[in-house]
Protein backbone atom coordinates (compact mmCIF):
# COMPACT_ATOMS: atom_id res chain seq x y z
CA MET A 1 79.09 121.55 92.12
CA GLY A 2 82.72 121.07 93.04
CA ARG A 3 84.57 118.64 90.81
CA PRO A 4 88.19 117.50 91.07
CA LEU A 5 90.69 118.30 88.35
CA ASP A 6 91.05 115.51 85.77
CA ARG A 7 93.65 116.91 83.35
CA LEU A 8 95.77 120.03 83.06
CA THR A 9 97.63 121.67 80.20
CA LEU A 10 99.76 124.61 81.34
CA SER A 11 102.45 126.65 79.60
CA GLY A 12 104.62 129.64 80.46
CA PHE A 13 103.94 129.59 84.22
CA LYS A 14 107.06 130.11 86.34
CA SER A 15 109.36 127.08 85.80
CA ILE A 16 106.61 125.17 83.95
CA LYS A 17 107.42 125.82 80.30
CA SER A 18 104.98 123.20 79.03
CA LEU A 19 102.79 120.62 80.74
CA GLU A 20 100.60 118.76 78.26
CA ASP A 21 97.30 117.09 79.17
CA PHE A 22 98.66 115.78 82.48
CA GLU A 23 96.32 113.45 84.37
CA PHE A 24 95.57 113.92 88.07
CA LYS A 25 94.14 111.01 90.04
CA SER A 26 92.49 110.97 93.45
CA LEU A 27 95.91 110.76 95.15
CA ASN A 28 98.90 112.66 93.76
CA ILE A 29 102.15 112.79 95.73
CA MET A 30 104.66 115.13 94.08
CA VAL A 31 108.31 114.51 94.92
CA GLY A 32 111.40 116.29 93.65
CA ALA A 33 114.53 118.18 94.62
CA ASN A 34 114.60 121.78 95.81
CA GLY A 35 113.81 124.07 92.90
CA SER A 36 112.38 121.32 90.72
CA GLY A 37 109.02 123.09 90.41
CA LYS A 38 106.68 121.38 92.88
CA THR A 39 105.86 124.61 94.68
CA ASN A 40 105.27 126.37 91.38
CA LEU A 41 102.43 123.98 90.57
CA VAL A 42 101.04 124.66 94.06
CA SER A 43 101.31 128.38 93.26
CA PHE A 44 99.24 127.83 90.11
CA PHE A 45 96.37 126.48 92.23
CA GLN A 46 96.72 129.46 94.56
CA MET A 47 96.41 131.74 91.54
CA LEU A 48 93.28 129.89 90.39
CA ARG A 49 91.75 130.40 93.81
CA ALA A 50 92.55 134.11 93.64
CA MET A 51 91.05 134.33 90.15
CA SER A 52 87.80 132.76 91.38
CA GLU A 53 87.56 135.48 94.06
CA GLU A 54 88.38 138.40 91.73
CA GLY A 55 91.73 138.66 93.49
CA LEU A 56 94.19 138.11 90.64
CA ALA A 57 95.59 141.66 90.76
CA ASN A 58 96.27 141.49 94.50
CA PHE A 59 97.77 138.00 94.20
CA VAL A 60 100.18 139.11 91.50
CA ALA A 61 101.15 142.29 93.35
CA GLU A 62 101.75 140.44 96.62
CA SER A 63 103.88 137.88 94.74
CA GLY A 64 106.27 140.47 93.31
CA GLY A 65 104.65 141.37 89.99
CA ALA A 66 103.86 139.71 86.68
CA ASP A 67 107.42 139.11 85.44
CA GLY A 68 108.05 136.42 88.06
CA PHE A 69 105.06 134.42 86.83
CA LEU A 70 106.35 134.12 83.26
CA PHE A 71 108.80 131.36 82.34
CA ASN A 72 112.24 133.03 82.11
CA GLY A 73 110.55 136.44 82.10
CA PRO A 74 108.42 138.37 79.59
CA LYS A 75 111.12 138.59 76.90
CA GLU A 76 111.05 134.80 76.46
CA THR A 77 107.44 134.10 77.47
CA PRO A 78 104.78 136.58 76.31
CA GLU A 79 101.82 134.82 77.93
CA ILE A 80 100.58 132.12 80.30
CA SER A 81 97.96 129.69 79.02
CA ALA A 82 96.01 126.99 80.83
CA HIS A 83 93.44 124.37 79.87
CA LEU A 84 91.66 122.49 82.67
CA ARG A 85 89.33 119.50 82.34
CA PHE A 86 86.98 118.27 85.08
CA GLY A 87 84.03 115.99 84.49
CA GLN A 88 82.18 117.10 81.36
CA ASN A 89 83.41 120.68 81.66
CA GLU A 90 86.56 122.46 80.52
CA TYR A 91 88.01 125.89 81.21
CA LYS A 92 90.69 127.82 79.29
CA PHE A 93 92.37 131.14 79.90
CA THR A 94 95.36 133.18 78.73
CA LEU A 95 97.14 135.80 80.83
CA VAL A 96 99.52 138.47 79.51
CA PRO A 97 101.73 140.98 81.37
CA THR A 98 100.89 144.67 81.41
CA ALA A 99 103.11 147.76 81.56
CA SER A 100 102.20 148.14 85.24
CA ALA A 101 103.64 144.68 86.12
CA GLN A 102 100.20 143.09 86.42
CA LEU A 103 98.63 140.15 84.59
CA SER A 104 95.69 140.84 82.31
CA VAL A 105 93.15 138.26 81.13
CA LYS A 106 93.68 138.10 77.37
CA ALA A 107 91.11 135.36 76.72
CA GLU A 108 88.76 133.13 78.70
CA SER A 109 86.39 130.36 77.64
CA HIS A 110 84.42 127.43 79.02
CA PHE A 111 83.10 124.20 77.54
CA TYR A 112 80.11 121.90 77.85
CA HIS A 113 79.36 120.23 74.50
CA ARG A 114 80.69 123.39 72.84
CA TRP A 115 83.15 126.18 73.57
CA THR A 116 81.89 129.62 74.63
CA ASN A 117 84.53 132.33 74.23
CA PHE A 118 84.71 135.60 76.13
CA GLY A 119 86.62 138.73 75.28
CA GLY A 120 89.84 139.76 76.97
CA GLY A 121 91.48 142.90 78.23
CA THR A 122 90.19 142.61 81.80
CA SER A 123 92.23 142.80 85.00
CA GLU A 124 90.20 140.05 86.65
CA SER A 125 88.79 136.69 85.62
CA ARG A 126 85.06 136.36 84.88
CA LEU A 127 84.85 133.22 87.04
CA LYS A 128 82.98 134.86 89.90
CA GLN A 129 80.59 136.55 87.47
CA TRP A 130 79.60 133.06 86.29
CA LYS A 131 78.61 132.03 89.83
CA ASP A 132 74.89 132.66 89.25
CA ASP A 133 74.81 131.65 85.58
CA LYS A 134 71.54 129.93 84.63
CA SER A 135 70.84 127.32 81.98
CA SER A 136 69.31 128.68 78.77
CA PHE A 137 67.11 125.56 78.55
CA PHE A 138 66.16 125.23 82.23
CA PRO A 139 66.15 128.73 83.79
CA ARG A 140 66.00 127.36 87.35
CA SER A 141 69.07 125.17 86.83
CA PRO A 142 72.73 126.27 86.96
CA GLY A 143 74.37 127.13 83.66
CA VAL A 144 77.78 126.08 82.36
CA GLY A 145 79.50 129.07 83.94
CA ALA A 146 78.12 128.18 87.38
CA TYR A 147 79.56 124.67 87.09
CA ILE A 148 82.93 126.06 86.01
CA TYR A 149 83.00 128.50 88.93
CA GLY A 150 81.80 125.82 91.35
CA ALA A 151 84.66 123.52 90.39
CA VAL A 152 87.55 125.99 90.32
CA SER A 153 86.47 127.89 93.44
CA SER A 154 86.22 124.62 95.39
CA TRP A 155 89.93 123.76 94.99
CA MET A 156 91.73 124.71 98.20
CA VAL A 157 95.45 125.14 98.86
CA TYR A 158 96.37 124.69 102.53
CA HIS A 159 99.63 126.24 103.72
CA PHE A 160 100.27 125.74 107.43
CA HIS A 161 103.94 126.76 107.47
CA ASP A 162 103.52 129.86 109.65
CA THR A 163 103.29 128.56 113.21
CA SER A 164 105.06 131.52 114.83
CA ALA A 165 103.81 133.13 118.03
CA ARG A 166 101.90 135.69 115.97
CA ALA A 167 100.51 133.21 113.44
CA PRO A 168 96.75 133.71 112.86
CA MET A 169 96.03 130.11 113.92
CA ARG A 170 97.25 130.99 117.44
CA ARG A 171 95.29 134.27 117.76
CA ASP A 172 91.70 135.25 118.54
CA GLN A 173 89.27 134.46 115.72
CA SER A 174 85.72 135.48 114.88
CA VAL A 175 83.16 132.87 115.93
CA ARG A 176 81.25 133.61 112.71
CA ASP A 177 84.15 132.61 110.45
CA TRP A 178 83.32 128.89 110.19
CA ARG A 179 82.12 128.24 106.65
CA GLU A 180 85.37 126.77 105.33
CA LEU A 181 88.78 126.13 106.85
CA SER A 182 90.95 129.01 105.66
CA PRO A 183 94.20 128.30 103.73
CA ASP A 184 96.39 129.28 106.71
CA ALA A 185 94.01 127.88 109.38
CA SER A 186 93.40 131.41 110.68
CA ASN A 187 89.85 130.33 111.65
CA ILE A 188 90.61 126.84 112.96
CA ALA A 189 89.03 127.43 116.38
CA SER A 190 85.71 128.63 114.96
CA PHE A 191 85.80 125.86 112.34
CA LEU A 192 86.34 123.18 115.01
CA LEU A 193 83.57 124.68 117.18
CA ARG A 194 81.16 124.41 114.26
CA MET A 195 82.28 120.83 113.65
CA LYS A 196 81.85 119.94 117.31
CA ASN A 197 78.30 121.35 117.39
CA HIS A 198 77.11 119.93 114.06
CA ASP A 199 79.22 116.82 113.29
CA GLU A 200 80.32 115.23 116.53
CA SER A 201 81.71 112.09 114.85
CA SER A 202 84.08 114.13 112.67
CA TYR A 203 85.14 116.21 115.65
CA SER A 204 85.82 113.07 117.68
CA ALA A 205 87.90 111.67 114.83
CA VAL A 206 90.02 114.85 114.83
CA ARG A 207 90.47 114.70 118.61
CA GLU A 208 91.39 111.01 118.67
CA THR A 209 93.84 111.37 115.78
CA ILE A 210 95.62 114.25 117.54
CA GLN A 211 95.90 112.07 120.65
CA LEU A 212 97.82 109.45 118.64
CA VAL A 213 100.60 111.97 118.00
CA ALA A 214 100.23 114.05 121.19
CA PRO A 215 99.21 111.56 123.93
CA PHE A 216 99.10 114.38 126.52
CA PHE A 217 96.29 116.15 124.64
CA ASP A 218 92.76 115.68 126.00
CA ASP A 219 90.43 118.09 124.21
CA PHE A 220 89.94 121.63 122.93
CA LEU A 221 88.26 124.26 125.09
CA LEU A 222 86.25 126.05 122.42
CA GLU A 223 84.55 128.78 124.45
CA PRO A 224 83.49 132.02 122.70
CA GLU A 225 84.10 135.31 124.47
CA LYS A 226 82.45 138.68 123.97
CA MET A 227 84.81 141.36 122.66
CA GLY A 228 82.95 144.59 122.06
CA GLU A 229 80.15 143.85 119.63
CA ASN A 230 81.79 140.65 118.38
CA GLU A 231 82.33 137.14 119.68
CA VAL A 232 85.82 135.69 119.40
CA ILE A 233 87.35 132.31 120.12
CA ARG A 234 90.84 130.89 120.33
CA LEU A 235 92.34 127.40 120.19
CA GLU A 236 92.48 126.78 123.94
CA TRP A 237 93.02 123.21 125.07
CA ARG A 238 93.55 121.02 128.10
CA GLN A 239 95.82 118.10 128.73
CA LYS A 240 94.86 114.80 130.29
CA GLY A 241 94.48 114.85 134.05
CA SER A 242 94.09 118.63 134.24
CA SER A 243 91.38 121.23 133.79
CA PHE A 244 93.87 124.07 133.32
CA PRO A 245 93.14 126.04 130.11
CA PHE A 246 96.33 125.95 128.03
CA GLN A 247 96.64 128.57 125.30
CA PRO A 248 97.33 128.03 121.56
CA TRP A 249 100.78 129.60 121.87
CA GLN A 250 101.67 126.79 124.31
CA LEU A 251 101.40 124.19 121.54
CA SER A 252 104.64 123.26 119.80
CA ASP A 253 105.04 124.15 116.12
CA GLY A 254 104.78 120.50 115.08
CA THR A 255 101.71 119.84 117.23
CA ILE A 256 99.69 122.82 116.04
CA ARG A 257 100.65 122.11 112.43
CA PHE A 258 99.48 118.49 112.86
CA ILE A 259 96.21 119.78 114.38
CA CYS A 260 95.66 121.91 111.27
CA LEU A 261 96.48 119.04 108.90
CA THR A 262 94.21 116.64 110.77
CA THR A 263 91.33 119.12 110.72
CA ALA A 264 91.78 119.74 106.99
CA LEU A 265 91.87 116.04 106.12
CA LEU A 266 89.03 114.93 108.41
CA GLN A 267 86.61 117.80 107.79
CA PRO A 268 83.14 116.41 107.03
CA ASN A 269 82.63 118.26 103.72
CA PRO A 270 86.08 118.66 102.18
CA PRO A 271 86.87 120.74 99.09
CA SER A 272 86.74 118.69 95.88
CA THR A 273 90.52 119.13 95.56
CA ILE A 274 92.96 119.74 98.41
CA VAL A 275 96.52 120.92 97.69
CA ILE A 276 99.14 120.87 100.46
CA ASP A 277 102.78 121.95 100.14
CA GLU A 278 105.27 120.00 102.29
CA PRO A 279 102.94 118.79 105.07
CA GLU A 280 105.85 116.92 106.69
CA LEU A 281 107.52 120.07 108.09
CA GLY A 282 108.29 119.75 111.81
CA LEU A 283 106.61 116.37 112.23
CA HIS A 284 108.03 113.36 114.10
CA PRO A 285 108.45 110.14 112.02
CA PHE A 286 105.49 108.54 113.85
CA ALA A 287 103.38 111.62 113.07
CA LEU A 288 104.33 111.16 109.40
CA GLU A 289 103.05 107.59 109.56
CA VAL A 290 99.72 108.80 110.96
CA LEU A 291 99.64 111.59 108.37
CA ALA A 292 100.16 109.08 105.54
CA GLY A 293 97.12 107.15 106.76
CA LEU A 294 95.08 110.36 106.88
CA LEU A 295 96.12 111.18 103.32
CA ARG A 296 95.21 107.74 102.00
CA ASP A 297 91.81 107.82 103.72
CA ALA A 298 91.09 111.39 102.63
CA SER A 299 91.83 110.51 98.99
CA LEU A 300 88.76 108.24 99.07
CA ARG A 301 86.59 111.32 99.71
CA THR A 302 88.41 114.07 97.83
CA GLN A 303 91.30 114.63 95.44
CA LEU A 304 94.69 115.29 97.03
CA ILE A 305 97.71 116.96 95.43
CA ILE A 306 100.61 116.83 97.89
CA SER A 307 104.13 118.22 97.49
CA THR A 308 106.81 116.59 99.65
CA GLN A 309 110.53 116.12 100.12
CA SER A 310 110.10 113.46 102.82
CA ALA A 311 111.41 109.99 101.98
CA THR A 312 109.70 108.76 105.16
CA LEU A 313 106.31 109.99 103.97
CA LEU A 314 106.93 108.63 100.48
CA ASN A 315 107.46 105.13 101.91
CA HIS A 316 103.76 104.84 102.70
CA PHE A 317 102.46 105.17 99.12
CA ASN A 318 102.36 103.15 95.92
CA ALA A 319 104.43 104.04 92.88
CA GLU A 320 101.30 104.96 90.90
CA ASP A 321 100.48 107.63 93.51
CA VAL A 322 103.78 109.42 92.92
CA ILE A 323 104.52 112.24 90.47
CA VAL A 324 108.24 112.87 89.97
CA VAL A 325 109.11 116.52 89.37
CA ASP A 326 112.51 117.25 87.87
CA ARG A 327 114.36 120.18 86.32
CA GLU A 328 115.60 119.54 82.76
CA ASN A 329 117.19 122.22 80.58
CA GLY A 330 115.92 124.90 82.92
CA HIS A 331 112.25 123.88 83.04
CA SER A 332 110.12 121.59 85.18
CA THR A 333 108.98 118.16 84.03
CA PHE A 334 106.26 116.03 85.60
CA ARG A 335 106.07 112.25 85.30
CA ARG A 336 103.97 109.68 87.13
CA LEU A 337 105.90 106.66 88.35
CA ASP A 338 105.32 103.29 86.68
CA GLY A 339 104.98 100.57 89.29
CA MET A 340 105.75 97.79 86.80
CA SER A 341 109.10 99.26 85.82
CA LEU A 342 110.09 99.49 89.49
CA SER A 343 108.75 96.08 90.53
CA ASP A 344 112.18 94.46 90.83
CA TRP A 345 113.46 97.36 92.93
CA THR A 346 110.46 97.53 95.27
CA LYS A 347 111.00 93.91 96.31
CA ASP A 348 114.04 95.05 98.30
CA TYR A 349 113.61 98.83 98.77
CA THR A 350 110.91 101.31 99.73
CA LEU A 351 109.98 104.18 97.42
CA GLY A 352 111.70 106.61 99.78
CA GLU A 353 114.94 104.62 99.59
CA LEU A 354 114.73 104.46 95.78
CA TRP A 355 114.22 108.22 95.65
CA GLN A 356 117.24 108.83 97.88
CA LYS A 357 119.31 106.50 95.68
CA ASN A 358 118.18 108.41 92.57
CA VAL A 359 116.79 105.23 91.01
CA PHE A 360 114.11 107.45 89.49
CA ASP A 361 114.54 111.09 88.50
CA GLY A 362 113.81 113.87 90.93
CA GLY A 363 116.14 112.56 93.62
CA PRO A 364 117.82 114.88 96.13
CA SER A 365 120.95 115.30 94.00
CA HIS A 366 118.95 116.74 91.09
CA GLU A 367 118.98 120.30 92.42
CA GLY A 368 117.23 123.04 90.46
CA ILE A 369 118.69 126.51 90.06
CA SER A 370 115.68 128.59 91.04
CA SER A 371 112.16 128.24 92.36
CA ARG A 372 110.83 130.03 89.32
């Protein structure tokens, strides 16, 4: 029941004072200076994911409290409101700060032919409660709430920035944790094992794509081990010409991050919307070229919302794929590029070069003051 996001209206969230009925296509490449607000939109999708898992309170607490979520703080912004459209369904909610520095759900409603409103005053969203909602006309069929939950809960934010020696992606993982690739790839070994056993063509595509960027890489050694009453697995691998079992901590930061990105973008049953913040980190220019191809291909199967500061990555996309994020009068603005207006420029320059020259807003010299 997962559906990609068609349009979003959002107000009062971090640096996003007001975003009105903004359209998202199958491929959305957000570009902008540091502090422009790209990451704040990514954070909104992370909050949605938390709401769908009844984890809003923990998400807010772990992010420093409610005040940081409100545009310029609670004195200027009393509430956060959002209106999402996907297919024939719509979902609205309003969040307000509490005295204990949490966010409370003031109002929540969903739409299919008509709006159904729910009361407020709860610490968690009702999204997960709608999971098993049944149709009033066809009791064996899902109801509106189930479709709303199915859409929002299917949107995944991947964040593969932590590639340290103690990063979860490099550690032992439960063999049973294979149902979806986790946001930080903490279950990548078990996920790849499941893919290898049940979708060999997808697994082979992952392996061959990694070999383009890391020619020394031969294959993963995905061999479960018994640890007490549980089975665990780690991302062991071998290089070409050797049977020696190399360990995940022997992969460079860039290589293991590319492995995670490749797995996310080539998974056989991807989320209906994938959000990735700065996938270019630590990657060689040739790896960025391969990544751009993966992104273009993946956008034919799922919706992608990508945040980047890489002119090299930007060079591989069309103007209509690009959303320029800028900071104006202290708040974030979002604008999709118009290919026609740039047609004279793109005869002689790439999009990355035009961004660096500040031909369109959001260039590197347009620095924001704060990430919130």
